[in-house]
């Protein structure tokens, strides 16, 4: 009689279950024992170089022929502005010139011409030289000799001429017969009573002083700032009148001359001062300073100002140059610090930064794992800081715990762009 078989689980199935349980236990252990170390890329290597006075081309708005050119148009306008000032104080000022009639006597038989530019030189009561000029050119007649039954006699040539002192003021007043010399251009001086000429006259007066408000350079400087400020404001208004402000805008940085340009005399035409410097102002001491200049600027589309356009144009401008600003392995970055318009050209200043991106090759990741295996947290921190100082890695974050795993395959190294991304 046959014995019945005992019911049970087949051995292969038992072995399979045991292996699965072991694998599950290992998986749970692996998941619990495995840690992640976050490492950021090392800082990119960057070199900078400045540029200045780079001329940026421009073309009419709407033109797309040149990506390295601004969309802009030059506008120009004449402007003037007047500001009134008041002379600060009164000055004792020479206002009148000595004037009179002198008699010139010629003792020789030859007429002498006294052309324009002839000086008649006297000495005043203080011993200072005073020069007079003929009011009109003159000719001194020659002396004549007459013979008759009573004998021979000579009649000297004589002429009365009007003279005016060349300099104003009481210093030009002279006494009787003070004029002693005649100085004809290109000739030696003729001295009265020592040559063939005799000069006679009464005291010559008329020179005087008066307390007047005289326009000075300092008075003009006090008003010039106000005049230039007004000139700039008028210039901007007239430039804006040249465009349709619904579609276009004027970049303030391109207005020429700007405030800095107007701070120097070369930035504007020579001021017109009425009355002029050294001349008396009106009874109230008032005078006027008028300044003029030709203004110009660049007008751009209202929604594409120059600062915005330069962000696109400058990279294109440098890319089109025969020699690129950065090596082929570097990424260029441009920063424009200033732009200006001189009435003809737009120039810019700025910086180009050449950035070489850095990476974490596999051997560096292996170094990170190997340097952390079995280390205490404190020792791991020191070793990672050493890698960081050597430029192999950037910032890093270690896992929680007092010690890292003793097997490198339990350490996962995660590469992140920056710690802010990885956290």
Protein backbone atom coordinates (compact mmCIF):
# COMPACT_ATOMS: atom_id res chain seq x y z
CA UNK A 1 0.00 0.00 0.00
CA UNK A 2 1.60 3.50 -1.12
CA UNK A 3 2.29 6.24 1.51
CA UNK A 4 0.64 9.66 0.81
CA UNK A 5 3.03 12.66 0.01
CA UNK A 6 3.34 15.39 2.59
CA UNK A 7 2.10 18.81 1.31
CA UNK A 8 4.75 21.63 1.40
CA UNK A 9 6.46 24.61 -0.40
CA UNK A 10 8.83 23.63 -3.15
CA UNK A 11 12.48 24.22 -2.35
CA UNK A 12 13.17 26.52 -5.33
CA UNK A 13 10.37 28.76 -4.23
CA UNK A 14 11.73 28.82 -0.72
CA UNK A 15 15.15 29.81 -2.03
CA UNK A 16 13.61 32.53 -4.18
CA UNK A 17 11.74 33.94 -1.19
CA UNK A 18 14.89 33.94 0.91
CA UNK A 19 16.86 35.75 -1.81
CA UNK A 20 14.08 38.33 -2.19
CA UNK A 21 14.02 38.94 1.55
CA UNK A 22 17.80 39.38 1.62
CA UNK A 23 17.61 41.79 -1.36
CA UNK A 24 14.87 43.77 0.38
CA UNK A 25 16.89 44.00 3.56
CA UNK A 26 19.96 45.09 1.55
CA UNK A 27 17.89 47.67 -0.35
CA UNK A 28 16.49 49.10 2.86
CA UNK A 29 19.96 49.17 4.37
CA UNK A 30 21.45 50.75 1.22
CA UNK A 31 18.77 53.43 1.13
CA UNK A 32 19.32 54.18 4.79
CA UNK A 33 23.10 54.12 4.60
CA UNK A 34 23.53 56.05 1.34
CA UNK A 35 24.19 59.80 1.64
CA UNK A 36 24.26 62.71 -0.82
CA UNK A 37 26.93 65.39 -0.93
CA UNK A 38 25.99 68.53 -2.88
CA UNK A 39 28.84 70.25 -4.68
CA UNK A 40 28.57 73.50 -6.68
CA UNK A 41 30.64 74.27 -9.72
CA UNK A 42 33.81 76.23 -8.98
CA UNK A 43 33.63 79.97 -9.73
CA UNK A 44 34.03 80.82 -13.40
CA UNK A 45 37.34 82.43 -14.38
CA UNK A 46 36.68 86.01 -15.49
CA UNK A 47 39.02 88.63 -16.91
CA UNK A 48 37.95 92.19 -17.60
CA UNK A 49 39.18 94.91 -19.92
CA UNK A 50 37.86 98.41 -20.36
CA UNK A 51 37.09 100.21 -23.58
CA UNK A 52 36.55 103.92 -24.22
CA UNK A 53 35.58 106.23 -27.07
CA UNK A 54 34.24 103.38 -29.18
CA UNK A 55 32.27 104.95 -32.04
CA UNK A 56 28.85 103.32 -32.42
CA UNK A 57 27.18 103.83 -35.81
CA UNK A 58 23.54 104.83 -36.09
CA UNK A 59 20.95 104.67 -38.83
CA UNK A 60 17.43 105.90 -39.40
CA UNK A 61 14.68 104.36 -37.29
CA UNK A 62 13.21 101.27 -38.91
CA UNK A 63 16.43 100.32 -40.73
CA UNK A 64 17.56 96.73 -40.14
CA UNK A 65 20.58 96.67 -42.44
CA UNK A 66 23.14 96.72 -39.62
CA UNK A 67 22.50 94.96 -36.31
CA UNK A 68 25.51 96.78 -34.86
CA UNK A 69 23.95 100.22 -35.44
CA UNK A 70 21.55 102.17 -33.28
CA UNK A 71 18.19 103.24 -34.63
CA UNK A 72 18.50 107.00 -34.21
CA UNK A 73 18.52 110.30 -36.08
CA UNK A 74 20.50 113.47 -35.38
CA UNK A 75 18.53 116.66 -34.72
CA UNK A 76 19.92 120.19 -34.28
CA UNK A 77 18.69 123.67 -33.32
CA UNK A 78 20.11 127.12 -32.62
CA UNK A 79 19.40 128.64 -29.19
CA UNK A 80 20.12 131.86 -27.32
CA UNK A 81 19.29 133.24 -23.90
CA UNK A 82 19.78 136.60 -22.17
CA UNK A 83 20.16 137.30 -18.47
CA UNK A 84 20.30 140.72 -16.82
CA UNK A 85 22.80 141.62 -14.13
CA UNK A 86 23.57 144.60 -11.91
CA UNK A 87 27.02 146.12 -11.39
CA UNK A 88 28.01 145.59 -7.78
CA UNK A 89 29.61 148.96 -7.02
CA UNK A 90 30.65 152.36 -8.30
CA UNK A 91 34.11 153.22 -9.61
CA UNK A 92 35.77 156.59 -10.12
CA UNK A 93 36.10 156.44 -13.88
CA UNK A 94 37.81 158.71 -16.44
CA UNK A 95 35.10 159.92 -18.81
CA UNK A 96 36.26 163.15 -20.50
CA UNK A 97 39.29 163.82 -22.67
CA UNK A 98 41.30 167.01 -22.79
CA UNK A 99 40.65 168.92 -26.04
CA UNK A 100 42.00 172.15 -27.42
CA UNK A 101 43.53 174.16 -30.26
CA UNK A 102 47.27 174.40 -30.77
CA UNK A 103 49.31 176.53 -33.15
CA UNK A 104 52.13 174.90 -35.09
CA UNK A 105 54.70 177.24 -36.68
CA UNK A 106 56.99 176.14 -39.49
CA UNK A 107 60.24 178.14 -39.95
CA UNK A 108 61.51 176.44 -43.12
CA UNK A 109 60.51 176.86 -46.74
CA UNK A 110 58.99 173.42 -46.98
CA UNK A 111 55.47 172.36 -46.07
CA UNK A 112 55.25 169.53 -43.57
CA UNK A 113 52.46 166.97 -43.72
CA UNK A 114 50.98 165.70 -40.44
CA UNK A 115 49.14 162.48 -41.40
CA UNK A 116 46.66 160.43 -39.40
CA UNK A 117 48.47 158.67 -36.57
CA UNK A 118 50.65 161.66 -35.72
CA UNK A 119 51.19 161.99 -31.95
CA UNK A 120 51.72 165.25 -30.12
CA UNK A 121 53.43 164.60 -26.80
CA UNK A 122 53.08 166.73 -23.68
CA UNK A 123 53.88 166.42 -19.96
CA UNK A 124 51.17 167.10 -17.36
CA UNK A 125 51.58 168.80 -14.00
CA UNK A 126 52.57 165.48 -12.37
CA UNK A 127 55.35 164.91 -14.88
CA UNK A 128 53.49 162.14 -16.75
CA UNK A 129 53.49 161.85 -20.49
CA UNK A 130 50.23 162.71 -22.24
CA UNK A 131 49.64 161.94 -25.90
CA UNK A 132 47.32 163.91 -28.14
CA UNK A 133 46.07 163.10 -31.61
CA UNK A 134 45.07 165.42 -34.44
CA UNK A 135 41.33 165.54 -34.90
CA UNK A 136 41.99 165.59 -38.67
CA UNK A 137 45.24 165.27 -40.68
CA UNK A 138 46.89 168.61 -41.48
CA UNK A 139 49.67 170.22 -43.51
CA UNK A 140 51.82 172.94 -41.92
CA UNK A 141 52.49 175.61 -44.62
CA UNK A 142 56.05 176.42 -45.60
CA UNK A 143 57.74 179.65 -44.56
CA UNK A 144 57.87 182.32 -47.29
CA UNK A 145 60.42 185.09 -47.95
CA UNK A 146 59.27 188.50 -49.27
CA UNK A 147 61.58 191.19 -50.70
CA UNK A 148 60.56 194.86 -51.29
CA UNK A 149 62.04 198.35 -51.07
CA UNK A 150 62.22 198.13 -47.32
CA UNK A 151 64.20 194.93 -47.38
CA UNK A 152 63.71 191.14 -47.14
CA UNK A 153 61.59 189.45 -44.55
CA UNK A 154 60.45 185.85 -43.86
CA UNK A 155 56.90 184.92 -42.95
CA UNK A 156 56.72 181.63 -41.04
CA UNK A 157 54.10 179.08 -42.01
CA UNK A 158 51.47 178.59 -39.36
CA UNK A 159 48.37 176.46 -38.77
CA UNK A 160 45.89 176.01 -35.95
CA UNK A 161 44.84 172.41 -35.38
CA UNK A 162 42.39 170.73 -33.01
CA UNK A 163 43.82 167.98 -30.81
CA UNK A 164 42.26 165.47 -28.40
CA UNK A 165 43.99 163.45 -25.72
CA UNK A 166 44.24 159.78 -26.53
CA UNK A 167 43.41 158.78 -22.92
CA UNK A 168 40.48 160.10 -20.86
CA UNK A 169 40.58 161.58 -17.38
CA UNK A 170 42.03 164.58 -15.64
CA UNK A 171 45.49 163.15 -16.19
CA UNK A 172 45.13 164.29 -19.80
CA UNK A 173 44.83 167.98 -18.84
CA UNK A 174 48.04 169.95 -19.52
CA UNK A 175 49.20 173.50 -19.00
CA UNK A 176 50.21 176.22 -21.45
CA UNK A 177 52.74 175.21 -24.12
CA UNK A 178 53.11 171.75 -22.53
CA UNK A 179 53.17 170.00 -25.93
CA UNK A 180 56.83 169.85 -26.88
CA UNK A 181 57.10 167.04 -29.45
CA UNK A 182 55.51 165.95 -32.68
CA UNK A 183 55.92 162.29 -33.59
CA UNK A 184 55.15 161.58 -37.25
CA UNK A 185 54.93 157.82 -38.05
CA UNK A 186 58.25 156.60 -39.46
CA UNK A 187 60.18 159.80 -38.66
CA UNK A 188 62.37 161.13 -35.90
CA UNK A 189 60.60 163.22 -33.22
CA UNK A 190 60.31 166.96 -33.89
CA UNK A 191 61.01 168.96 -30.73
CA UNK A 192 59.48 172.40 -30.33
CA UNK A 193 61.92 175.33 -30.10
CA UNK A 194 64.86 173.06 -30.95
CA UNK A 195 64.06 172.48 -34.61
CA UNK A 196 62.19 174.18 -37.39
CA UNK A 197 58.89 173.84 -35.52
CA UNK A 198 57.42 175.96 -32.77
CA UNK A 199 54.31 174.82 -30.86
CA UNK A 200 52.18 177.22 -28.86
CA UNK A 201 48.88 176.74 -27.06
CA UNK A 202 46.81 177.71 -24.05
CA UNK A 203 46.06 175.19 -21.27
CA UNK A 204 44.23 172.18 -22.66
CA UNK A 205 41.50 170.83 -20.39
CA UNK A 206 38.35 168.74 -20.46
CA UNK A 207 39.59 165.51 -18.93
CA UNK A 208 37.55 164.44 -15.91
CA UNK A 209 36.38 161.50 -13.74
CA UNK A 210 32.97 160.47 -12.50
CA UNK A 211 31.62 157.79 -10.16
CA UNK A 212 30.11 155.23 -12.54
CA UNK A 213 28.92 151.64 -12.42
CA UNK A 214 31.43 149.95 -14.73
CA UNK A 215 30.77 146.42 -15.98
CA UNK A 216 33.56 144.09 -14.81
CA UNK A 217 34.52 140.48 -15.56
CA UNK A 218 33.40 139.55 -12.05
CA UNK A 219 29.98 141.10 -12.65
CA UNK A 220 29.65 139.02 -15.82
CA UNK A 221 30.66 135.81 -14.01
CA UNK A 222 27.89 136.38 -11.48
CA UNK A 223 25.31 136.30 -14.29
CA UNK A 224 26.90 133.81 -16.67
CA UNK A 225 25.74 130.71 -14.77
CA UNK A 226 22.11 131.79 -14.93
CA UNK A 227 22.48 132.63 -18.62
CA UNK A 228 23.98 129.21 -19.45
CA UNK A 229 21.30 127.36 -17.49
CA UNK A 230 18.64 129.24 -19.43
CA UNK A 231 20.50 128.55 -22.68
CA UNK A 232 20.53 124.80 -21.99
CA UNK A 233 16.81 124.72 -21.19
CA UNK A 234 15.97 126.67 -24.35
CA UNK A 235 18.23 124.38 -26.37
CA UNK A 236 16.42 121.27 -25.08
CA UNK A 237 13.04 122.82 -25.87
CA UNK A 238 14.09 123.63 -29.43
CA UNK A 239 15.48 120.14 -29.97
CA UNK A 240 12.22 118.60 -28.76
CA UNK A 241 10.35 120.85 -31.17
CA UNK A 242 12.21 119.09 -34.02
CA UNK A 243 10.59 115.70 -33.35
CA UNK A 244 7.16 114.12 -32.96
CA UNK A 245 7.24 113.19 -29.28
CA UNK A 246 4.41 110.72 -29.78
CA UNK A 247 6.84 108.50 -31.69
CA UNK A 248 10.35 109.65 -30.79
CA UNK A 249 12.35 110.70 -27.74
CA UNK A 250 15.60 112.57 -27.23
CA UNK A 251 18.18 110.84 -25.06
CA UNK A 252 19.38 113.40 -22.45
CA UNK A 253 22.87 111.87 -22.51
CA UNK A 254 23.25 112.83 -26.17
CA UNK A 255 22.34 116.51 -25.85
CA UNK A 256 25.37 118.53 -26.93
CA UNK A 257 26.50 120.82 -25.52
CA UNK A 258 25.41 119.43 -22.16
CA UNK A 259 25.82 121.03 -18.74
CA UNK A 260 29.42 119.81 -18.47
CA UNK A 261 30.27 121.21 -21.92
CA UNK A 262 28.70 124.57 -21.06
CA UNK A 263 30.96 124.76 -18.00
CA UNK A 264 33.85 125.59 -20.36
CA UNK A 265 34.00 128.57 -22.77
CA UNK A 266 34.51 126.24 -25.75
CA UNK A 267 30.99 124.86 -25.25
CA UNK A 268 29.22 128.02 -26.43
CA UNK A 269 29.76 131.14 -28.53
CA UNK A 270 31.51 134.13 -26.98
CA UNK A 271 28.97 135.95 -24.76
CA UNK A 272 27.56 139.25 -25.97
CA UNK A 273 27.75 141.73 -23.08
CA UNK A 274 25.79 144.98 -23.31
CA UNK A 275 27.32 147.36 -22.30
CA UNK A 276 30.68 145.67 -22.68
CA UNK A 277 33.21 144.94 -19.97
CA UNK A 278 34.91 148.19 -18.98
CA UNK A 279 31.98 150.29 -20.13
CA UNK A 280 29.50 152.09 -17.86
CA UNK A 281 26.16 150.41 -17.24
CA UNK A 282 22.89 152.35 -17.30
CA UNK A 283 21.77 154.57 -14.43
CA UNK A 284 20.54 151.55 -12.45
CA UNK A 285 23.78 149.67 -13.04
CA UNK A 286 22.07 147.07 -15.22
CA UNK A 287 23.73 145.17 -18.05
CA UNK A 288 22.80 142.14 -20.15
CA UNK A 289 24.65 138.91 -20.98
CA UNK A 290 23.49 136.98 -24.07
CA UNK A 291 24.81 133.47 -24.79
CA UNK A 292 24.30 131.40 -27.92
CA UNK A 293 25.04 127.84 -29.01
CA UNK A 294 24.08 125.26 -31.60
CA UNK A 295 22.52 122.23 -29.90
CA UNK A 296 22.27 118.71 -31.29
CA UNK A 297 21.13 115.32 -30.01
CA UNK A 298 20.07 111.84 -31.08
CA UNK A 299 16.38 111.04 -31.34
CA UNK A 300 15.32 107.39 -31.02
CA UNK A 301 12.01 105.54 -31.18
CA UNK A 302 10.16 106.31 -27.94
CA UNK A 303 10.04 102.60 -26.99
CA UNK A 304 13.71 101.91 -27.81
CA UNK A 305 15.91 104.38 -25.96
CA UNK A 306 19.66 104.30 -26.43
CA UNK A 307 20.39 102.51 -23.15
CA UNK A 308 18.07 99.67 -24.16
CA UNK A 309 19.40 99.48 -27.71
CA UNK A 310 23.02 99.34 -26.58
CA UNK A 311 22.35 96.06 -24.76
CA UNK A 312 21.77 94.48 -28.17
CA UNK A 313 23.96 96.63 -30.40
CA UNK A 314 27.21 96.52 -28.40
CA UNK A 315 27.63 92.70 -28.52
CA UNK A 316 26.95 92.79 -32.27
CA UNK A 317 29.38 95.69 -32.69
CA UNK A 318 32.25 93.84 -31.01
CA UNK A 319 31.40 90.53 -32.68
CA UNK A 320 31.81 92.13 -36.12
CA UNK A 321 35.29 93.40 -35.34
CA UNK A 322 38.23 91.53 -36.98
CA UNK A 323 39.66 90.62 -33.58
CA UNK A 324 37.05 89.37 -31.09
CA UNK A 325 37.20 90.84 -27.58
CA UNK A 326 37.47 87.41 -25.88
CA UNK A 327 39.14 84.07 -26.69
CA UNK A 328 36.98 81.48 -28.41
CA UNK A 329 36.65 79.42 -25.20
CA UNK A 330 35.30 82.40 -23.26
CA UNK A 331 31.88 83.93 -23.07
CA UNK A 332 31.89 87.75 -23.42
CA UNK A 333 29.74 90.04 -21.31
CA UNK A 334 29.44 93.75 -21.99
CA UNK A 335 28.69 96.60 -19.63
CA UNK A 336 28.32 100.17 -20.95
CA UNK A 337 29.08 102.79 -18.29
CA UNK A 338 28.70 105.95 -20.36
CA UNK A 339 27.69 107.22 -23.77
CA UNK A 340 27.92 110.70 -25.22
CA UNK A 341 27.25 112.63 -28.41
CA UNK A 342 29.63 115.35 -29.64
CA UNK A 343 27.39 116.64 -32.40
CA UNK A 344 28.79 114.21 -34.96
CA UNK A 345 29.62 110.87 -33.31
CA UNK A 346 28.19 108.67 -30.56
CA UNK A 347 30.93 107.15 -28.41
CA UNK A 348 30.69 104.73 -25.50
CA UNK A 349 32.82 103.64 -22.55
CA UNK A 350 32.50 100.39 -20.66
CA UNK A 351 33.86 96.99 -19.76
CA UNK A 352 33.98 93.61 -21.48
CA UNK A 353 34.23 90.57 -19.19
CA UNK A 354 35.57 87.34 -20.69
CA UNK A 355 34.22 84.38 -18.66
CA UNK A 356 35.63 80.86 -19.02
CA UNK A 357 33.11 78.37 -17.62
CA UNK A 358 34.51 75.69 -15.31
CA UNK A 359 33.20 72.14 -14.80
CA UNK A 360 33.57 69.13 -12.49
CA UNK A 361 35.21 66.29 -14.45
CA UNK A 362 34.71 62.66 -13.27
CA UNK A 363 38.14 62.51 -11.63
CA UNK A 364 37.21 65.46 -9.40
CA UNK A 365 34.01 63.69 -8.36
CA UNK A 366 36.08 60.60 -7.55
CA UNK A 367 38.39 62.78 -5.44
CA UNK A 368 35.40 64.11 -3.53
CA UNK A 369 34.11 60.60 -2.78
CA UNK A 370 37.49 59.18 -1.84
CA UNK A 371 38.32 62.06 0.49
CA UNK A 372 35.06 61.56 2.40
CA UNK A 373 34.97 57.78 2.85
CA UNK A 374 34.74 56.89 6.56
CA UNK A 375 35.54 60.44 7.70
CA UNK A 376 34.00 62.15 10.67
CA UNK A 377 31.88 65.14 9.81
CA UNK A 378 34.56 67.51 11.15
CA UNK A 379 37.33 65.85 9.12
CA UNK A 380 35.10 65.76 6.02
CA UNK A 381 34.44 69.47 6.40
CA UNK A 382 38.18 70.23 6.49
CA UNK A 383 38.91 68.03 3.47
CA UNK A 384 36.14 69.64 1.40
CA UNK A 385 37.39 73.10 2.35
CA UNK A 386 40.82 72.11 1.07
CA UNK A 387 39.34 71.08 -2.30
CA UNK A 388 37.49 74.37 -2.34
CA UNK A 389 40.65 76.42 -1.69
CA UNK A 390 42.40 74.59 -4.53
CA UNK A 391 39.63 75.71 -6.91
CA UNK A 392 38.46 72.18 -7.65
CA UNK A 393 34.95 72.74 -6.31
CA UNK A 394 32.71 75.61 -5.32
CA UNK A 395 30.40 75.64 -2.33
CA UNK A 396 29.35 72.31 -0.82
CA UNK A 397 26.83 70.79 1.60
CA UNK A 398 27.49 67.62 3.66
CA UNK A 399 24.72 65.27 4.82
CA UNK A 400 23.55 65.11 8.42
CA UNK A 401 25.33 62.69 10.71
CA UNK A 402 28.52 62.34 12.71
CA UNK A 403 30.36 60.15 10.21
CA UNK A 404 30.20 59.43 6.51
CA UNK A 405 29.83 55.89 5.12
CA UNK A 406 32.93 53.69 4.88
CA UNK A 407 32.25 52.71 1.25
CA UNK A 408 32.57 55.19 -1.61
CA UNK A 409 29.60 53.63 -3.41
CA UNK A 410 27.43 54.75 -0.53
CA UNK A 411 28.39 58.37 -1.20
CA UNK A 412 26.48 60.11 -3.97
CA UNK A 413 27.95 63.39 -5.27
CA UNK A 414 25.32 65.74 -6.66
CA UNK A 415 26.58 68.59 -8.90
CA UNK A 416 24.53 71.79 -8.77
CA UNK A 417 24.93 75.21 -10.43
CA UNK A 418 24.85 76.92 -7.04
CA UNK A 419 23.93 75.96 -3.52
CA UNK A 420 20.71 77.98 -3.79
CA UNK A 421 19.62 75.60 -6.56
CA UNK A 422 20.70 72.44 -4.79
CA UNK A 423 19.08 73.22 -1.41
